Amino acid sequence: MEHIAVSVIVPIYNAEPWLEECVQSILDQDFPANYGTIEVLLIDDGATDGSGALCDRLAKRDNRIKVVHQENQGLSGARNTGIDMARGRYYAFIDSDDVVRPAYLKKMYEACEAHDAYMAICAVEDVQENGKPLPEPVFTPPTQEGVFRGKDLLNDFYAPNGTYYTVAWNKLYRAEVWKLLHYPEGRLHEDDFVAHRLFWRCDKVVCLPDVLYNYRLRSGSIMRTSLKPGAFDAVDGLADRYRFYVENGADRSVIDSAYAACWRRYLFLCAKVRQNPEPQLVKAISKEQFLMQGLISYLPNCRHMKMTEKLSAARWAMMPAESLCPAK
């Protein structure tokens, strides 16, 4: 019987120029045959370019590739489809415009197996849209390398290199971690709703300094386009994280860090809207104020916010958005 060691899930939406390079980097992995096989799950999330047809052509070249074509459900919906069909002992997510280095799966798989860990994480290099290194290389390494309890890494979410911990795609996960856990569909910033739950479940996480993932900086990507109301989904995700910590008895420092991060993201977005107070963005603030008002009672107790931040938070939560962001 075939033993599938790793299921690699690739959500795809209008990524035709980069997709083949991405998939080939997965197929070219230096992954020993005695570890098991790799399955590559290409989830065509209603792409309107040639990505779907390219997926089918790639699948004909290599029987490790499985393709699903579905109506557009967003990144979360595509990842969830992959989770539901994955058969591997481990899961990995790779964005369809990125590239992984040859040892990406091997090193993280070996780290998990050696330490009986539920997650391994690798360092990341940002690259130009053409795939070449930046003039001044940019790397995202761990705060510290080694084996840790997932709960002991929660404060590292808020370090300067916090994306090392919070994004989905530089990691290898034991399949059990995803039991009854999916991404929130219809939301942007989906990782903010899920990352803390993953780490909370992992007794052991291996943090590797090895740079194994190339993240492509692309001008048209979801995270690099102009501000839209969906940006406030990040605030909802961070608020969910704060409430999760409170409900599950996390350390006070972790709770305060999560609470402060939620308010800072909210205040940052409010400031951006004030610079360009389009009606739909002002409406988004008004909607978000109901959420923030529900969190305000903890404001005096948070030790990770300055008094000036607390005053700004109270103002932007309680005053009408229309008066704070007057239309031009």
C-alpha atoms as a PDB file:
ATOM      1  CA  MET A   1       0.000   0.000   0.000  1.00  0.00           C
ATOM      2  CA  GLU A   2       1.321   3.458  -0.916  1.00  0.00           C
ATOM      3  CA  HIS A   3       2.625   5.451   2.040  1.00  0.00           C
ATOM      4  CA  ILE A   4       2.109   9.165   1.499  1.00  0.00           C
ATOM      5  CA  ALA A   5       4.534  11.029   3.713  1.00  0.00           C
ATOM      6  CA  VAL A   6       3.597  14.585   2.757  1.00  0.00           C
ATOM      7  CA  SER A   7       0.593  16.223   1.143  1.00  0.00           C
ATOM      8  CA  VAL A   8       1.587  19.537  -0.434  1.00  0.00           C
ATOM      9  CA  ILE A   9      -1.414  21.844  -0.855  1.00  0.00           C
ATOM     10  CA  VAL A  10      -1.145  24.600  -3.463  1.00  0.00           C
ATOM     11  CA  PRO A  11      -4.105  27.038  -3.666  1.00  0.00           C
ATOM     12  CA  ILE A  12      -4.225  28.629  -7.118  1.00  0.00           C
ATOM     13  CA  TYR A  13      -5.920  31.740  -8.433  1.00  0.00           C
ATOM     14  CA  ASN A  14      -4.635  33.518 -11.557  1.00  0.00           C
ATOM     15  CA  ALA A  15      -0.994  32.554 -11.027  1.00  0.00           C
ATOM     16  CA  GLU A  16      -0.212  31.224 -14.509  1.00  0.00           C
ATOM     17  CA  PRO A  17       3.113  33.100 -14.987  1.00  0.00           C
ATOM     18  CA  TRP A  18       4.618  31.532 -11.839  1.00  0.00           C
ATOM     19  CA  LEU A  19       2.717  28.284 -11.362  1.00  0.00           C
ATOM     20  CA  GLU A  20       4.899  25.905 -13.346  1.00  0.00           C
ATOM     21  CA  GLU A  21       8.068  27.056 -11.575  1.00  0.00           C
ATOM     22  CA  CYS A  22       6.326  26.620  -8.220  1.00  0.00           C
ATOM     23  CA  VAL A  23       5.098  23.096  -8.981  1.00  0.00           C
ATOM     24  CA  GLN A  24       8.411  22.027 -10.478  1.00  0.00           C
ATOM     25  CA  SER A  25      10.218  23.109  -7.308  1.00  0.00           C
ATOM     26  CA  ILE A  26       7.944  20.728  -5.382  1.00  0.00           C
ATOM     27  CA  LEU A  27       8.413  17.838  -7.787  1.00  0.00           C
ATOM     28  CA  ASP A  28      12.190  18.341  -7.666  1.00  0.00           C
ATOM     29  CA  GLN A  29      12.375  17.932  -3.902  1.00  0.00           C
ATOM     30  CA  ASP A  30      15.299  15.902  -2.569  1.00  0.00           C
ATOM     31  CA  PHE A  31      12.972  13.618  -0.635  1.00  0.00           C
ATOM     32  CA  PRO A  32      14.238  10.063  -0.018  1.00  0.00           C
ATOM     33  CA  ALA A  33      11.988   7.349  -1.433  1.00  0.00           C
ATOM     34  CA  ASN A  34      12.195   5.338   1.785  1.00  0.00           C
ATOM     35  CA  TYR A  35      10.444   8.198   3.634  1.00  0.00           C
ATOM     36  CA  GLY A  36       7.360   7.698   1.473  1.00  0.00           C
ATOM     37  CA  THR A  37       5.834   9.576  -1.444  1.00  0.00           C
ATOM     38  CA  ILE A  38       4.722  13.150  -1.922  1.00  0.00           C
ATOM     39  CA  GLU A  39       1.299  14.068  -3.235  1.00  0.00           C
ATOM     40  CA  VAL A  40       0.827  17.516  -4.761  1.00  0.00           C
ATOM     41  CA  LEU A  41      -2.714  18.872  -4.509  1.00  0.00           C
ATOM     42  CA  LEU A  42      -3.331  21.712  -6.957  1.00  0.00           C
ATOM     43  CA  ILE A  43      -6.543  23.516  -6.017  1.00  0.00           C
ATOM     44  CA  ASP A  44      -7.743  25.660  -8.930  1.00  0.00           C
ATOM     45  CA  ASP A  45      -9.939  28.166  -7.104  1.00  0.00           C
ATOM     46  CA  GLY A  46     -11.930  29.389 -10.090  1.00  0.00           C
ATOM     47  CA  ALA A  47      -8.958  30.943 -11.883  1.00  0.00           C
ATOM     48  CA  THR A  48      -9.898  33.095 -14.865  1.00  0.00           C
ATOM     49  CA  ASP A  49      -6.515  32.945 -16.593  1.00  0.00           C
ATOM     50  CA  GLY A  50      -4.871  29.784 -17.923  1.00  0.00           C
ATOM     51  CA  SER A  51      -3.965  28.413 -14.482  1.00  0.00           C
ATOM     52  CA  GLY A  52      -6.618  25.690 -14.500  1.00  0.00           C
ATOM     53  CA  ALA A  53      -5.562  24.291 -17.862  1.00  0.00           C
ATOM     54  CA  LEU A  54      -1.919  24.454 -16.819  1.00  0.00           C
ATOM     55  CA  CYS A  55      -2.751  22.403 -13.713  1.00  0.00           C
ATOM     56  CA  ASP A  56      -4.206  19.681 -15.930  1.00  0.00           C
ATOM     57  CA  ARG A  57      -1.148  19.662 -18.188  1.00  0.00           C
ATOM     58  CA  LEU A  58       1.177  19.395 -15.195  1.00  0.00           C
ATOM     59  CA  ALA A  59      -0.871  16.495 -13.782  1.00  0.00           C
ATOM     60  CA  LYS A  60      -0.428  14.554 -17.028  1.00  0.00           C
ATOM     61  CA  ARG A  61       3.354  14.790 -16.618  1.00  0.00           C
ATOM     62  CA  ASP A  62       3.529  13.470 -13.055  1.00  0.00           C
ATOM     63  CA  ASN A  63       1.131  11.096 -11.305  1.00  0.00           C
ATOM     64  CA  ARG A  64       1.955  12.630  -7.914  1.00  0.00           C
ATOM     65  CA  ILE A  65      -0.177  15.620  -8.894  1.00  0.00           C
ATOM     66  CA  LYS A  66      -3.910  15.709  -8.175  1.00  0.00           C
ATOM     67  CA  VAL A  67      -6.037  18.614  -9.459  1.00  0.00           C
ATOM     68  CA  VAL A  68      -9.313  20.020  -8.161  1.00  0.00           C
ATOM     69  CA  HIS A  69     -11.256  22.677 -10.068  1.00  0.00           C
ATOM     70  CA  GLN A  70     -13.758  24.590  -7.950  1.00  0.00           C
ATOM     71  CA  GLU A  71     -15.722  27.823  -8.042  1.00  0.00           C
ATOM     72  CA  ASN A  72     -13.864  30.701  -6.441  1.00  0.00           C
ATOM     73  CA  GLN A  73     -13.986  30.407  -2.662  1.00  0.00           C
ATOM     74  CA  GLY A  74     -10.942  32.469  -1.763  1.00  0.00           C
ATOM     75  CA  LEU A  75      -7.630  31.357  -0.328  1.00  0.00           C
ATOM     76  CA  SER A  76      -9.229  29.875   2.786  1.00  0.00           C
ATOM     77  CA  GLY A  77     -11.691  27.808   0.776  1.00  0.00           C
ATOM     78  CA  ALA A  78      -8.925  26.500  -1.472  1.00  0.00           C
ATOM     79  CA  ARG A  79      -6.748  25.510   1.470  1.00  0.00           C
ATOM     80  CA  ASN A  80      -9.710  23.828   3.158  1.00  0.00           C
ATOM     81  CA  THR A  81     -10.375  21.756   0.041  1.00  0.00           C
ATOM     82  CA  GLY A  82      -6.762  20.602   0.157  1.00  0.00           C
ATOM     83  CA  ILE A  83      -6.988  19.755   3.858  1.00  0.00           C
ATOM     84  CA  ASP A  84     -10.112  17.670   3.270  1.00  0.00           C
ATOM     85  CA  MET A  85      -8.548  15.589   0.480  1.00  0.00           C
ATOM     86  CA  ALA A  86      -4.993  15.285   1.869  1.00  0.00           C
ATOM     87  CA  ARG A  87      -3.815  11.749   2.700  1.00  0.00           C
ATOM     88  CA  GLY A  88      -0.291  12.402   3.972  1.00  0.00           C
ATOM     89  CA  ARG A  89       1.171  11.972   7.440  1.00  0.00           C
ATOM     90  CA  TYR A  90       2.206  15.626   7.137  1.00  0.00           C
ATOM     91  CA  TYR A  91       0.764  18.653   5.341  1.00  0.00           C
ATOM     92  CA  ALA A  92       2.551  21.608   3.744  1.00  0.00           C
ATOM     93  CA  PHE A  93       1.059  24.719   2.138  1.00  0.00           C
ATOM     94  CA  ILE A  94       2.856  26.505  -0.681  1.00  0.00           C
ATOM     95  CA  ASP A  95       1.587  29.652  -2.396  1.00  0.00           C
ATOM     96  CA  SER A  96       1.310  29.230  -6.150  1.00  0.00           C
ATOM     97  CA  ASP A  97       3.677  32.100  -6.991  1.00  0.00           C
ATOM     98  CA  ASP A  98       6.449  31.013  -4.617  1.00  0.00           C
ATOM     99  CA  VAL A  99       9.327  28.547  -4.926  1.00  0.00           C
ATOM    100  CA  VAL A 100      10.734  26.071  -2.415  1.00  0.00           C
ATOM    101  CA  ARG A 101      14.344  24.975  -2.289  1.00  0.00           C
ATOM    102  CA  PRO A 102      15.304  21.321  -2.869  1.00  0.00           C
ATOM    103  CA  ALA A 103      15.668  20.400   0.815  1.00  0.00           C
ATOM    104  CA  TYR A 104      12.429  22.124   1.919  1.00  0.00           C
ATOM    105  CA  LEU A 105      10.425  18.984   2.703  1.00  0.00           C
ATOM    106  CA  LYS A 106      13.330  16.708   3.622  1.00  0.00           C
ATOM    107  CA  LYS A 107      14.777  18.935   6.346  1.00  0.00           C
ATOM    108  CA  MET A 108      11.443  19.703   7.968  1.00  0.00           C
ATOM    109  CA  TYR A 109      10.284  16.082   7.724  1.00  0.00           C
ATOM    110  CA  GLU A 110      13.494  14.865   9.355  1.00  0.00           C
ATOM    111  CA  ALA A 111      13.208  17.493  12.075  1.00  0.00           C
ATOM    112  CA  CYS A 112       9.660  16.410  12.928  1.00  0.00           C
ATOM    113  CA  GLU A 113      10.529  12.707  12.904  1.00  0.00           C
ATOM    114  CA  ALA A 114      13.722  13.151  14.944  1.00  0.00           C
ATOM    115  CA  HIS A 115      11.946  15.080  17.708  1.00  0.00           C
ATOM    116  CA  ASP A 116       8.452  13.582  17.443  1.00  0.00           C
ATOM    117  CA  ALA A 117       7.280  17.133  16.729  1.00  0.00           C
ATOM    118  CA  TYR A 118       3.945  18.250  15.375  1.00  0.00           C
ATOM    119  CA  MET A 119       5.357  21.178  13.398  1.00  0.00           C
ATOM    120  CA  ALA A 120       8.621  22.272  11.815  1.00  0.00           C
ATOM    121  CA  ILE A 121       9.307  25.793  10.536  1.00  0.00           C
ATOM    122  CA  CYS A 122      11.971  27.072   8.140  1.00  0.00           C
ATOM    123  CA  ALA A 123      13.427  30.496   7.418  1.00  0.00           C
ATOM    124  CA  VAL A 124      12.298  32.487   4.371  1.00  0.00           C
ATOM    125  CA  GLU A 125      13.961  34.689   1.772  1.00  0.00           C
ATOM    126  CA  ASP A 126      12.009  37.463   0.047  1.00  0.00           C
ATOM    127  CA  VAL A 127      12.741  37.565  -3.691  1.00  0.00           C
ATOM    128  CA  GLN A 128      11.851  39.915  -6.531  1.00  0.00           C
ATOM    129  CA  GLU A 129       8.894  39.319  -8.814  1.00  0.00           C
ATOM    130  CA  ASN A 130      11.276  37.772 -11.350  1.00  0.00           C
ATOM    131  CA  GLY A 131      12.438  35.289  -8.699  1.00  0.00           C
ATOM    132  CA  LYS A 132      15.882  36.822  -8.239  1.00  0.00           C
ATOM    133  CA  PRO A 133      17.249  37.875  -4.820  1.00  0.00           C
ATOM    134  CA  LEU A 134      16.656  41.455  -3.712  1.00  0.00           C
ATOM    135  CA  PRO A 135      19.628  43.842  -4.138  1.00  0.00           C
ATOM    136  CA  GLU A 136      19.965  43.668  -0.349  1.00  0.00           C
ATOM    137  CA  PRO A 137      18.841  40.167   0.659  1.00  0.00           C
ATOM    138  CA  VAL A 138      15.944  39.970   3.124  1.00  0.00           C
ATOM    139  CA  PHE A 139      15.564  36.883   5.313  1.00  0.00           C
ATOM    140  CA  THR A 140      13.016  35.966   7.991  1.00  0.00           C
ATOM    141  CA  PRO A 141      14.715  33.654  10.518  1.00  0.00           C
ATOM    142  CA  PRO A 142      13.462  32.323  13.863  1.00  0.00           C
ATOM    143  CA  THR A 143      13.871  34.362  17.031  1.00  0.00           C
ATOM    144  CA  GLN A 144      15.799  31.350  18.290  1.00  0.00           C
ATOM    145  CA  GLU A 145      16.370  27.923  16.813  1.00  0.00           C
ATOM    146  CA  GLY A 146      15.612  24.637  18.541  1.00  0.00           C
ATOM    147  CA  VAL A 147      12.688  22.589  19.846  1.00  0.00           C
ATOM    148  CA  PHE A 148       9.967  24.354  21.829  1.00  0.00           C
ATOM    149  CA  ARG A 149       6.463  23.906  23.158  1.00  0.00           C
ATOM    150  CA  GLY A 150       4.086  25.632  20.798  1.00  0.00           C
ATOM    151  CA  LYS A 151       2.621  27.661  23.676  1.00  0.00           C
ATOM    152  CA  ASP A 152       6.082  28.991  24.503  1.00  0.00           C
ATOM    153  CA  LEU A 153       6.373  30.555  21.034  1.00  0.00           C
ATOM    154  CA  LEU A 154       3.180  32.610  21.146  1.00  0.00           C
ATOM    155  CA  ASN A 155       4.925  35.842  22.153  1.00  0.00           C
ATOM    156  CA  ASP A 156       7.255  35.452  19.162  1.00  0.00           C
ATOM    157  CA  PHE A 157       4.239  36.236  16.966  1.00  0.00           C
ATOM    158  CA  TYR A 158       4.860  39.878  17.889  1.00  0.00           C
ATOM    159  CA  ALA A 159       8.619  39.960  17.279  1.00  0.00           C
ATOM    160  CA  PRO A 160      10.016  41.847  14.244  1.00  0.00           C
ATOM    161  CA  ASN A 161      10.270  38.489  12.429  1.00  0.00           C
ATOM    162  CA  GLY A 162       6.821  37.380  13.589  1.00  0.00           C
ATOM    163  CA  THR A 163       5.737  36.241  10.122  1.00  0.00           C
ATOM    164  CA  TYR A 164       8.139  33.303  10.534  1.00  0.00           C
ATOM    165  CA  TYR A 165       5.621  31.947  13.043  1.00  0.00           C
ATOM    166  CA  THR A 166       2.237  33.159  11.786  1.00  0.00           C
ATOM    167  CA  VAL A 167       2.136  32.414   8.036  1.00  0.00           C
ATOM    168  CA  ALA A 168       0.998  29.031   6.745  1.00  0.00           C
ATOM    169  CA  TRP A 169       3.548  28.338   4.071  1.00  0.00           C
ATOM    170  CA  ASN A 170       6.983  27.875   5.656  1.00  0.00           C
ATOM    171  CA  LYS A 171       5.886  24.939   7.784  1.00  0.00           C
ATOM    172  CA  LEU A 172       5.335  21.198   7.873  1.00  0.00           C
ATOM    173  CA  TYR A 173       2.416  20.070  10.032  1.00  0.00           C
ATOM    174  CA  ARG A 174       1.462  16.672  11.422  1.00  0.00           C
ATOM    175  CA  ALA A 175      -1.940  15.868   9.955  1.00  0.00           C
ATOM    176  CA  GLU A 176      -3.541  15.448  13.403  1.00  0.00           C
ATOM    177  CA  VAL A 177      -3.026  19.152  14.117  1.00  0.00           C
ATOM    178  CA  TRP A 178      -5.692  19.956  11.515  1.00  0.00           C
ATOM    179  CA  LYS A 179      -8.362  17.723  13.010  1.00  0.00           C
ATOM    180  CA  LEU A 180     -11.566  19.803  13.234  1.00  0.00           C
ATOM    181  CA  LEU A 181      -9.615  22.917  12.226  1.00  0.00           C
ATOM    182  CA  HIS A 182     -10.097  24.849   8.983  1.00  0.00           C
ATOM    183  CA  TYR A 183      -9.484  28.350   7.662  1.00  0.00           C
ATOM    184  CA  PRO A 184     -12.338  30.896   7.912  1.00  0.00           C
ATOM    185  CA  GLU A 185     -13.842  31.176   4.456  1.00  0.00           C
ATOM    186  CA  GLY A 186     -14.631  34.561   2.973  1.00  0.00           C
ATOM    187  CA  ARG A 187     -11.957  36.290   5.053  1.00  0.00           C
ATOM    188  CA  LEU A 188      -8.645  37.930   4.283  1.00  0.00           C
ATOM    189  CA  HIS A 189      -5.752  37.558   6.748  1.00  0.00           C
ATOM    190  CA  GLU A 190      -6.897  33.991   7.344  1.00  0.00           C
ATOM    191  CA  ASP A 191      -3.660  33.053   9.136  1.00  0.00           C
ATOM    192  CA  ASP A 192      -4.503  35.451  11.967  1.00  0.00           C
ATOM    193  CA  PHE A 193      -7.537  33.301  12.795  1.00  0.00           C
ATOM    194  CA  VAL A 194      -5.642  30.001  12.783  1.00  0.00           C
ATOM    195  CA  ALA A 195      -1.951  30.312  13.707  1.00  0.00           C
ATOM    196  CA  HIS A 196      -2.464  30.553  17.464  1.00  0.00           C
ATOM    197  CA  ARG A 197      -4.710  27.503  17.470  1.00  0.00           C
ATOM    198  CA  LEU A 198      -2.064  25.470  15.638  1.00  0.00           C
ATOM    199  CA  PHE A 199       0.713  26.404  18.049  1.00  0.00           C
ATOM    200  CA  TRP A 200      -1.538  25.800  21.055  1.00  0.00           C
ATOM    201  CA  ARG A 201      -2.060  22.213  19.881  1.00  0.00           C
ATOM    202  CA  CYS A 202       1.619  21.428  19.282  1.00  0.00           C
ATOM    203  CA  ASP A 203       3.579  19.957  22.205  1.00  0.00           C
ATOM    204  CA  LYS A 204       6.775  20.250  20.137  1.00  0.00           C
ATOM    205  CA  VAL A 205       7.693  22.703  17.384  1.00  0.00           C
ATOM    206  CA  VAL A 206      11.090  22.649  15.662  1.00  0.00           C
ATOM    207  CA  CYS A 207      12.359  26.084  14.599  1.00  0.00           C
ATOM    208  CA  LEU A 208      14.980  25.778  11.866  1.00  0.00           C
ATOM    209  CA  PRO A 209      17.334  28.561  10.712  1.00  0.00           C
ATOM    210  CA  ASP A 210      17.628  26.999   7.246  1.00  0.00           C
ATOM    211  CA  VAL A 211      16.362  29.220   4.415  1.00  0.00           C
ATOM    212  CA  LEU A 212      14.172  26.822   2.439  1.00  0.00           C
ATOM    213  CA  TYR A 213      11.317  28.971   1.098  1.00  0.00           C
ATOM    214  CA  ASN A 214      11.453  31.829  -1.433  1.00  0.00           C
ATOM    215  CA  TYR A 215       8.598  34.306  -0.993  1.00  0.00           C
ATOM    216  CA  ARG A 216       7.926  36.281  -4.170  1.00  0.00           C
ATOM    217  CA  LEU A 217       7.165  39.975  -3.677  1.00  0.00           C
ATOM    218  CA  ARG A 218       4.508  40.568  -6.303  1.00  0.00           C
ATOM    219  CA  SER A 219       2.822  43.921  -6.917  1.00  0.00           C
ATOM    220  CA  GLY A 220      -0.578  42.395  -7.713  1.00  0.00           C
ATOM    221  CA  SER A 221      -0.787  39.982  -4.788  1.00  0.00           C
ATOM    222  CA  ILE A 222      -3.609  40.134  -2.235  1.00  0.00           C
ATOM    223  CA  MET A 223      -1.373  41.568   0.470  1.00  0.00           C
ATOM    224  CA  ARG A 224       0.170  44.317  -1.681  1.00  0.00           C
ATOM    225  CA  THR A 225      -2.884  46.002  -3.177  1.00  0.00           C
ATOM    226  CA  SER A 226      -4.607  49.202  -1.997  1.00  0.00           C
ATOM    227  CA  LEU A 227      -6.627  49.331   1.223  1.00  0.00           C
ATOM    228  CA  LYS A 228     -10.057  47.720   1.063  1.00  0.00           C
ATOM    229  CA  PRO A 229     -12.703  47.040   3.740  1.00  0.00           C
ATOM    230  CA  GLY A 230     -11.509  43.433   3.958  1.00  0.00           C
ATOM    231  CA  ALA A 231      -8.321  44.701   5.591  1.00  0.00           C
ATOM    232  CA  PHE A 232     -10.300  44.900   8.828  1.00  0.00           C
ATOM    233  CA  ASP A 233     -10.500  41.101   8.789  1.00  0.00           C
ATOM    234  CA  ALA A 234      -7.019  41.262  10.323  1.00  0.00           C
ATOM    235  CA  VAL A 235      -8.475  43.061  13.339  1.00  0.00           C
ATOM    236  CA  ASP A 236     -11.147  40.375  13.678  1.00  0.00           C
ATOM    237  CA  GLY A 237      -8.473  37.671  13.524  1.00  0.00           C
ATOM    238  CA  LEU A 238      -6.344  39.332  16.183  1.00  0.00           C
ATOM    239  CA  ALA A 239      -9.407  39.861  18.383  1.00  0.00           C
ATOM    240  CA  ASP A 240     -10.228  36.178  18.004  1.00  0.00           C
ATOM    241  CA  ARG A 241      -6.670  35.371  19.080  1.00  0.00           C
ATOM    242  CA  TYR A 242      -6.990  37.540  22.200  1.00  0.00           C
ATOM    243  CA  ARG A 243     -10.301  35.937  23.186  1.00  0.00           C
ATOM    244  CA  PHE A 244      -8.862  32.458  22.573  1.00  0.00           C
ATOM    245  CA  TYR A 245      -6.005  33.150  24.976  1.00  0.00           C
ATOM    246  CA  VAL A 246      -8.349  34.466  27.646  1.00  0.00           C
ATOM    247  CA  GLU A 247     -10.724  31.513  27.319  1.00  0.00           C
ATOM    248  CA  ASN A 248      -7.874  28.975  27.457  1.00  0.00           C
ATOM    249  CA  GLY A 249      -5.936  30.499  30.352  1.00  0.00           C
ATOM    250  CA  ALA A 250      -2.836  31.675  28.505  1.00  0.00           C
ATOM    251  CA  ASP A 251      -0.058  33.544  30.298  1.00  0.00           C
ATOM    252  CA  ARG A 252      -0.794  37.181  31.105  1.00  0.00           C
ATOM    253  CA  SER A 253       2.070  38.348  28.892  1.00  0.00           C
ATOM    254  CA  VAL A 254       0.632  36.481  25.889  1.00  0.00           C
ATOM    255  CA  ILE A 255      -2.837  37.897  26.542  1.00  0.00           C
ATOM    256  CA  ASP A 256      -1.489  41.446  26.796  1.00  0.00           C
ATOM    257  CA  SER A 257       0.574  41.033  23.617  1.00  0.00           C
ATOM    258  CA  ALA A 258      -2.451  39.781  21.684  1.00  0.00           C
ATOM    259  CA  TYR A 259      -4.675  42.550  23.023  1.00  0.00           C
ATOM    260  CA  ALA A 260      -2.158  45.269  22.159  1.00  0.00           C
ATOM    261  CA  ALA A 261      -1.596  43.841  18.666  1.00  0.00           C
ATOM    262  CA  CYS A 262      -5.331  43.894  17.973  1.00  0.00           C
ATOM    263  CA  TRP A 263      -5.674  47.548  18.940  1.00  0.00           C
ATOM    264  CA  ARG A 264      -2.538  48.574  17.068  1.00  0.00           C
ATOM    265  CA  ARG A 265      -3.760  46.999  13.860  1.00  0.00           C
ATOM    266  CA  TYR A 266      -7.135  48.691  14.291  1.00  0.00           C
ATOM    267  CA  LEU A 267      -5.562  52.099  14.960  1.00  0.00           C
ATOM    268  CA  PHE A 268      -3.172  51.685  12.021  1.00  0.00           C
ATOM    269  CA  LEU A 269      -6.055  50.968   9.647  1.00  0.00           C
ATOM    270  CA  CYS A 270      -8.095  53.849  11.053  1.00  0.00           C
ATOM    271  CA  ALA A 271      -5.177  56.191  10.398  1.00  0.00           C
ATOM    272  CA  LYS A 272      -4.919  54.892   6.826  1.00  0.00           C
ATOM    273  CA  VAL A 273      -8.631  55.475   6.269  1.00  0.00           C
ATOM    274  CA  ARG A 274      -8.368  58.990   7.636  1.00  0.00           C
ATOM    275  CA  GLN A 275      -5.807  59.769   4.924  1.00  0.00           C
ATOM    276  CA  ASN A 276      -8.305  58.659   2.279  1.00  0.00           C
ATOM    277  CA  PRO A 277     -11.802  58.549   3.813  1.00  0.00           C
ATOM    278  CA  GLU A 278     -13.723  56.713   1.128  1.00  0.00           C
ATOM    279  CA  PRO A 279     -17.320  55.940   2.212  1.00  0.00           C
ATOM    280  CA  GLN A 280     -16.911  52.151   2.176  1.00  0.00           C
ATOM    281  CA  LEU A 281     -13.805  52.385   4.381  1.00  0.00           C
ATOM    282  CA  VAL A 282     -15.483  54.722   6.879  1.00  0.00           C
ATOM    283  CA  LYS A 283     -18.385  52.264   6.969  1.00  0.00           C
ATOM    284  CA  ALA A 284     -15.893  49.471   7.690  1.00  0.00           C
ATOM    285  CA  ILE A 285     -14.611  51.399  10.720  1.00  0.00           C
ATOM    286  CA  SER A 286     -18.171  51.910  11.963  1.00  0.00           C
ATOM    287  CA  LYS A 287     -18.791  48.182  11.719  1.00  0.00           C
ATOM    288  CA  GLU A 288     -15.499  47.362  13.438  1.00  0.00           C
ATOM    289  CA  GLN A 289     -16.263  49.743  16.319  1.00  0.00           C
ATOM    290  CA  PHE A 290     -18.860  47.316  17.661  1.00  0.00           C
ATOM    291  CA  LEU A 291     -16.166  44.650  17.982  1.00  0.00           C
ATOM    292  CA  MET A 292     -13.672  47.004  19.602  1.00  0.00           C
ATOM    293  CA  GLN A 293     -16.222  48.335  22.085  1.00  0.00           C
ATOM    294  CA  GLY A 294     -16.652  44.758  23.286  1.00  0.00           C
ATOM    295  CA  LEU A 295     -12.935  44.589  24.075  1.00  0.00           C
ATOM    296  CA  ILE A 296     -12.530  47.983  25.693  1.00  0.00           C
ATOM    297  CA  SER A 297     -13.078  46.883  29.300  1.00  0.00           C
ATOM    298  CA  TYR A 298      -9.587  45.322  29.416  1.00  0.00           C
ATOM    299  CA  LEU A 299      -7.943  48.485  28.118  1.00  0.00           C
ATOM    300  CA  PRO A 300      -6.898  49.912  31.544  1.00  0.00           C
ATOM    301  CA  ASN A 301      -5.301  46.572  32.518  1.00  0.00           C
ATOM    302  CA  CYS A 302      -3.158  45.950  29.428  1.00  0.00           C
ATOM    303  CA  ARG A 303       0.496  46.329  30.372  1.00  0.00           C
ATOM    304  CA  HIS A 304       1.769  46.260  26.784  1.00  0.00           C
ATOM    305  CA  MET A 305       0.156  49.521  25.659  1.00  0.00           C
ATOM    306  CA  LYS A 306       1.267  53.063  26.395  1.00  0.00           C
ATOM    307  CA  MET A 307      -1.194  55.561  27.840  1.00  0.00           C
ATOM    308  CA  THR A 308      -1.245  57.480  24.546  1.00  0.00           C
ATOM    309  CA  GLU A 309      -2.260  54.275  22.750  1.00  0.00           C
ATOM    310  CA  LYS A 310      -5.012  53.612  25.265  1.00  0.00           C
ATOM    311  CA  LEU A 311      -6.418  57.105  24.826  1.00  0.00           C
ATOM    312  CA  SER A 312      -6.371  56.748  21.048  1.00  0.00           C
ATOM    313  CA  ALA A 313      -8.017  53.336  21.321  1.00  0.00           C
ATOM    314  CA  ALA A 314     -10.851  54.689  23.451  1.00  0.00           C
ATOM    315  CA  ARG A 315     -11.381  57.610  21.069  1.00  0.00           C
ATOM    316  CA  TRP A 316     -11.441  55.486  17.911  1.00  0.00           C
ATOM    317  CA  ALA A 317     -13.740  52.913  19.507  1.00  0.00           C
ATOM    318  CA  MET A 318     -16.344  55.309  20.903  1.00  0.00           C
ATOM    319  CA  MET A 319     -16.554  58.370  18.644  1.00  0.00           C
ATOM    320  CA  PRO A 320     -18.551  58.182  15.394  1.00  0.00           C
ATOM    321  CA  ALA A 321     -16.336  57.144  12.504  1.00  0.00           C
ATOM    322  CA  GLU A 322     -17.798  59.929  10.346  1.00  0.00           C
ATOM    323  CA  SER A 323     -16.491  62.579  12.750  1.00  0.00           C
ATOM    324  CA  LEU A 324     -13.051  60.960  12.972  1.00  0.00           C
ATOM    325  CA  CYS A 325     -12.757  60.478   9.206  1.00  0.00           C
ATOM    326  CA  PRO A 326     -14.656  63.386   7.612  1.00  0.00           C
ATOM    327  CA  ALA A 327     -15.242  62.965   3.901  1.00  0.00           C
ATOM    328  CA  LYS A 328     -13.259  65.272   1.635  1.00  0.00           C
END
